[in-house]
Protein backbone atom coordinates (compact mmCIF):
# COMPACT_ATOMS: atom_id res chain seq x y z
CA MET A 1 101.28 104.76 99.79
CA PRO A 2 104.84 104.45 101.53
CA PRO A 3 105.52 102.93 104.62
CA LEU A 4 103.89 104.90 107.48
CA ALA A 5 105.50 105.64 111.02
CA VAL A 6 102.83 104.76 113.68
CA LEU A 7 103.26 105.49 117.36
CA ALA A 8 100.96 104.20 119.84
CA PHE A 9 99.97 104.88 123.68
CA LEU A 10 97.51 101.39 124.50
CA PRO A 11 96.96 98.80 126.43
CA PRO A 12 97.60 95.45 125.42
CA PRO A 13 94.92 94.43 123.37
CA LEU A 14 94.69 97.74 121.82
CA LEU A 15 97.99 97.22 120.99
CA ALA A 16 98.22 93.84 119.20
CA HIS A 17 94.98 94.82 117.17
CA LEU A 18 97.00 97.59 116.60
CA ARG A 19 99.97 95.20 114.80
CA VAL A 20 97.16 93.14 113.13
CA VAL A 21 96.32 96.12 111.12
CA LEU A 22 99.63 97.63 110.59
CA GLN A 23 101.27 94.39 109.37
CA PRO A 24 103.59 93.63 107.54
CA HIS A 25 104.02 97.41 105.21
CA HIS A 26 104.23 99.87 108.13
CA THR A 27 106.08 100.34 111.36
CA LEU A 28 105.38 100.47 114.97
CA THR A 29 106.71 101.94 118.11
CA ALA A 30 104.79 101.90 121.11
CA PHE A 31 104.73 102.97 124.97
CA ASP A 32 102.80 101.86 127.83
CA GLU A 33 103.89 104.98 130.18
CA TRP A 34 102.79 108.21 129.50
CA PRO A 35 106.44 110.51 130.26
CA SER A 36 107.60 108.24 127.43
CA PHE A 37 105.48 108.37 125.42
CA GLU A 38 104.95 112.30 125.13
CA LEU A 39 108.37 112.40 124.88
CA ALA A 40 108.08 110.47 121.23
CA VAL A 41 105.57 112.77 120.52
CA ARG A 42 107.70 116.10 120.84
CA GLN A 43 110.68 115.33 119.33
CA SER A 44 110.42 112.33 116.62
CA THR A 45 108.25 112.89 113.70
CA TRP A 46 105.53 110.09 112.83
CA ASP A 47 102.77 110.04 110.13
CA ALA A 48 100.22 108.59 112.49
CA VAL A 49 99.75 108.81 115.98
CA VAL A 50 97.51 106.14 118.00
CA ALA A 51 96.41 106.84 121.79
CA ASP A 52 93.92 105.81 124.17
CA PRO A 53 93.03 107.97 126.87
CA CYS A 54 92.77 105.09 129.55
CA ALA A 55 95.76 103.04 128.33
CA GLU A 56 97.10 103.02 131.90
CA GLY A 57 94.10 102.12 133.76
CA ALA A 58 93.71 105.67 134.71
CA LEU A 59 92.22 108.15 132.31
CA ARG A 60 94.62 111.41 130.41
CA THR A 61 91.57 113.01 129.16
CA ASP A 62 93.88 116.47 130.39
CA ASP A 63 97.99 115.23 129.71
CA LEU A 64 96.05 114.64 125.88
CA VAL A 65 94.27 117.41 125.60
CA ALA A 66 97.68 119.59 126.41
CA LEU A 67 99.70 117.73 123.97
CA ILE A 68 97.45 118.60 121.43
CA GLU A 69 96.75 122.45 122.22
CA ALA A 70 100.54 122.35 122.37
CA TYR A 71 100.82 120.51 118.96
CA PRO A 72 97.61 120.79 117.03
CA SER A 73 99.63 119.31 113.69
CA ILE A 74 99.96 115.93 116.02
CA PRO A 75 97.98 113.48 113.41
CA LEU A 76 96.85 111.94 116.63
CA THR A 77 93.28 108.71 116.34
CA LEU A 78 92.14 108.19 119.24
CA TYR A 79 91.32 104.52 119.87
CA SER A 80 89.39 102.66 123.15
CA CYS A 81 87.10 100.35 124.56
CA VAL A 82 83.86 100.95 125.10
CA SER A 83 82.88 101.90 128.60
CA PRO A 84 81.72 105.21 130.18
CA GLY A 85 84.90 106.69 131.62
CA THR A 86 86.64 106.49 128.24
CA LEU A 87 83.64 107.66 126.15
CA ARG A 88 83.26 111.07 127.90
CA SER A 89 86.91 111.39 127.78
CA ILE A 90 86.84 111.14 123.78
CA ALA A 91 83.57 113.03 123.74
CA GLU A 92 85.55 115.50 125.44
CA LEU A 93 88.87 115.47 123.50
CA ALA A 94 86.51 115.55 120.24
CA ARG A 95 85.08 118.62 121.10
CA PHE A 96 88.45 120.23 122.40
CA GLY A 97 90.04 119.42 118.91
CA GLN A 98 86.63 120.37 117.03
CA GLY A 99 86.41 116.77 115.14
CA ALA A 100 90.35 116.60 113.68
CA HIS A 101 90.69 113.34 115.55
CA PRO A 102 89.21 110.73 114.44
CA ILE A 103 87.78 108.15 116.80
CA VAL A 104 88.21 104.63 116.32
CA LEU A 105 86.04 101.97 119.30
CA HIS A 106 87.57 98.60 119.89
CA ARG A 107 85.23 96.03 118.46
CA VAL A 108 83.10 98.39 117.13
CA ASP A 109 84.37 100.09 114.37
CA ASP A 110 88.30 98.30 114.00
CA GLU A 111 88.07 95.84 111.16
CA PRO A 112 91.51 96.25 109.88
CA ARG A 113 91.48 97.20 106.32
CA ARG A 114 89.22 99.70 107.89
CA PHE A 115 91.04 101.38 110.44
CA LEU A 116 94.42 100.98 108.03
CA GLU A 117 92.02 103.08 105.54
CA LEU A 118 91.81 106.06 108.13
CA LEU A 119 95.54 105.70 109.34
CA GLU A 120 96.83 105.98 105.61
CA ARG A 121 94.43 108.87 105.60
CA GLN A 122 95.98 110.82 108.68
CA PRO A 123 99.77 110.59 107.44
CA ALA A 124 101.40 113.78 109.28
CA ASN A 125 100.16 116.43 107.42
CA ALA A 126 97.29 118.08 104.75
CA LEU A 127 100.26 119.91 103.83
CA SER A 128 102.46 117.16 102.22
CA ALA A 129 98.89 116.18 100.21
CA SER A 130 98.62 119.38 98.91
CA LEU A 131 102.34 120.09 97.47
CA LEU A 132 102.09 116.48 95.94
CA ARG A 133 98.97 117.58 94.07
CA ARG A 134 100.87 120.84 92.49
CA LEU A 135 103.70 117.84 91.55
CA GLU A 136 101.80 115.85 90.05
CA PRO A 137 102.16 116.59 86.63
CA GLY A 138 105.83 116.21 86.83
CA LEU A 139 105.33 113.06 89.24
CA ASP A 140 103.53 111.74 86.31
CA GLN A 141 106.73 111.93 83.55
CA LEU A 142 108.92 110.18 85.93
CA ALA A 143 108.96 106.57 85.80
CA PRO A 144 107.10 104.84 88.97
CA PRO A 145 110.23 103.64 90.98
CA LEU A 146 111.17 107.78 91.31
CA ALA A 147 107.64 108.97 91.71
CA ARG A 148 106.95 106.67 94.53
CA ALA A 149 110.31 107.72 96.32
CA VAL A 150 109.73 111.64 95.55
CA GLU A 151 106.07 111.17 96.83
CA ARG A 152 107.71 109.23 100.12
CA LEU A 153 110.17 111.89 100.60
CA ILE A 154 107.32 114.58 100.47
CA ARG A 155 105.74 112.60 102.78
CA ARG A 156 108.86 111.15 105.01
CA PRO A 157 111.51 114.06 104.56
CA THR A 158 113.69 112.73 107.68
CA ILE A 159 114.78 109.43 106.20
CA PHE A 160 116.55 111.14 103.08
CA VAL A 161 119.96 113.12 103.51
CA THR A 162 121.43 112.88 100.33
CA ALA A 163 120.76 112.05 96.05
CA GLY A 164 122.40 108.60 96.98
CA ASP A 165 119.19 108.05 99.40
CA LEU A 166 116.76 109.08 96.88
CA ALA A 167 118.27 107.04 94.32
CA ALA A 168 118.77 104.00 96.92
CA SER A 169 114.46 104.46 97.51
CA ALA A 170 114.13 104.04 93.36
CA ASP A 171 116.48 101.34 93.37
CA LEU A 172 117.81 103.48 90.36
CA THR A 173 121.73 105.60 89.88
CA VAL A 174 122.19 109.17 91.15
CA ARG A 175 123.04 110.19 87.15
CA THR A 176 119.51 108.71 86.45
CA VAL A 177 117.87 109.78 89.26
CA TYR A 178 119.24 113.67 88.09
CA ARG A 179 118.39 113.22 84.25
CA GLN A 180 114.58 112.13 84.81
CA LEU A 181 113.88 114.58 87.66
CA ALA A 182 115.70 117.08 85.32
CA ALA A 183 113.40 115.98 81.80
CA ALA A 184 110.09 116.60 84.01
CA GLY A 185 110.78 120.18 84.68
CA PHE A 186 111.91 119.56 88.69
CA GLU A 187 114.79 120.54 91.00
CA SER A 188 117.86 119.10 91.63
CA PRO A 189 117.35 115.92 94.50
CA ARG A 190 119.20 118.33 96.61
CA THR A 191 116.47 121.45 96.25
CA LEU A 192 113.68 117.89 96.45
CA ILE A 193 114.72 117.01 99.84
CA VAL A 194 115.05 120.68 101.58
CA GLY A 195 112.15 121.44 100.46
CA ALA A 196 110.77 118.90 102.17
CA ARG A 197 111.88 119.13 104.68
CA LEU A 198 110.71 123.17 104.89
CA LEU A 199 107.29 121.96 104.22
CA ARG A 200 107.44 119.82 107.24
CA ALA A 201 109.32 122.60 109.13
CA TYR A 202 106.74 124.92 108.76
CA ALA A 203 103.76 122.57 109.80
CA TYR A 204 105.83 122.08 113.22
CA SER A 205 106.56 125.41 113.38
CA ARG A 206 102.87 126.70 113.61
CA ASP A 207 102.34 124.79 117.07
CA PRO A 208 102.69 126.25 120.04
CA GLY A 209 104.86 124.71 121.79
CA GLN A 210 107.28 123.92 119.21
CA SER A 211 110.61 126.17 119.26
CA LEU A 212 112.85 126.91 116.20
CA GLU A 213 115.60 124.86 118.34
CA SER A 214 112.76 121.72 118.37
CA VAL A 215 111.88 122.03 114.91
CA ALA A 216 115.33 122.40 113.45
CA SER A 217 115.63 119.22 115.32
CA ARG A 218 112.92 116.89 114.49
CA VAL A 219 113.45 117.64 110.44
CA GLY A 220 116.76 116.49 110.69
CA TYR A 221 119.01 119.96 111.09
CA SER A 222 121.51 120.03 112.93
CA ALA A 223 121.41 123.56 114.23
CA PRO A 224 118.33 126.28 113.40
CA ARG A 225 120.80 128.25 111.41
CA MET A 226 120.91 125.60 108.48
CA LEU A 227 116.97 125.65 108.87
CA THR A 228 117.12 129.28 108.34
CA ARG A 229 119.08 129.43 106.05
CA HIS A 230 117.63 127.20 103.75
CA MET A 231 114.24 128.83 104.20
CA ARG A 232 115.66 131.76 103.25
CA GLU A 233 116.89 130.27 100.18
CA ILE A 234 113.87 128.61 99.10
CA VAL A 235 111.18 130.51 100.02
CA GLY A 236 112.81 134.11 100.91
CA VAL A 237 111.62 134.46 104.48
CA THR A 238 112.80 133.17 107.90
CA PRO A 239 110.88 130.09 109.18
CA ARG A 240 109.63 133.19 112.04
CA ALA A 241 108.34 135.34 109.55
CA ALA A 242 107.22 132.06 107.19
CA ARG A 243 105.10 131.20 110.71
CA ARG A 244 103.69 134.28 111.21
CA ARG A 245 102.92 136.00 107.73
CA ILE A 246 102.13 132.84 105.17
CA PRO A 247 99.31 130.95 105.20
CA ALA A 248 98.96 127.34 104.91
CA GLU A 249 98.30 127.45 101.24
CA GLU A 250 100.27 130.38 100.14
CA PHE A 251 103.34 128.21 101.47
CA VAL A 252 102.66 125.55 99.43
CA THR A 253 102.45 127.31 96.45
CA THR A 254 105.27 129.35 96.89
CA LEU A 255 107.16 125.60 97.67
CA ALA A 256 105.89 123.83 94.98
CA GLY A 257 106.96 126.62 92.38
CA ARG A 258 110.65 126.62 93.62
CA LEU A 259 111.02 122.56 93.35
CA TYR A 260 108.95 121.89 90.75
CA ALA A 261 109.21 124.49 87.07
CA LYS A 262 105.25 123.66 85.58
CA ALA A 263 103.73 123.44 89.25
CA SER A 264 100.15 123.88 89.45
CA SER A 265 98.33 126.43 91.95
CA PHE A 266 95.74 124.10 93.51
């Protein structure tokens, strides 16, 4: 499992426990004020987001509902203490999210290993796992360091820009990366990097709160026109058309076929 990038909005005792849960392999960015936390959700990419509706002492139920409504792809876990107020808030948030957001209670079910397993199952979106399943036959043919680097690319596309980044992640030369990918039936590193960004862009574009400009920025494009160009090149349609016309699994299947010649259809 590649390191997770985790965002938190928690009071000090819960934040301290989350640090224990994530050490030493995962990274944690924490805010104790709602405006900063909300801005981070909107502008950056996170593998997991952990929030307490009572982090500031007053309930933020309505604010969290509004955030979930605008950005339903947020990989949110609700983490709070047992109290009548917070339990009512969590129940309301759970109903709103139709059970999509896990709930963890402090000193009840937040044993570190169990909590970490929950967060590791949460990362970013099920679309990444679905794409990796389709690429699995090819990944099995790669040297393990490169296979892990490709998995990290699919899950964390914004930290890769060039073939050199992929090679560095695998501790291999760029030439070796090209050779191994080609032998296993993959397209070039550049195409894999573009494809990983497009997958995340597609996920973000389905959030009502995301404009094309914000989606492009979040996945590492300097301008929306480059995202549109790459979506047309790889998938055959514009980002807006992909959002409106292509169901998630069809998008993943199409993308997998462009990245790997022998991609599985399920």
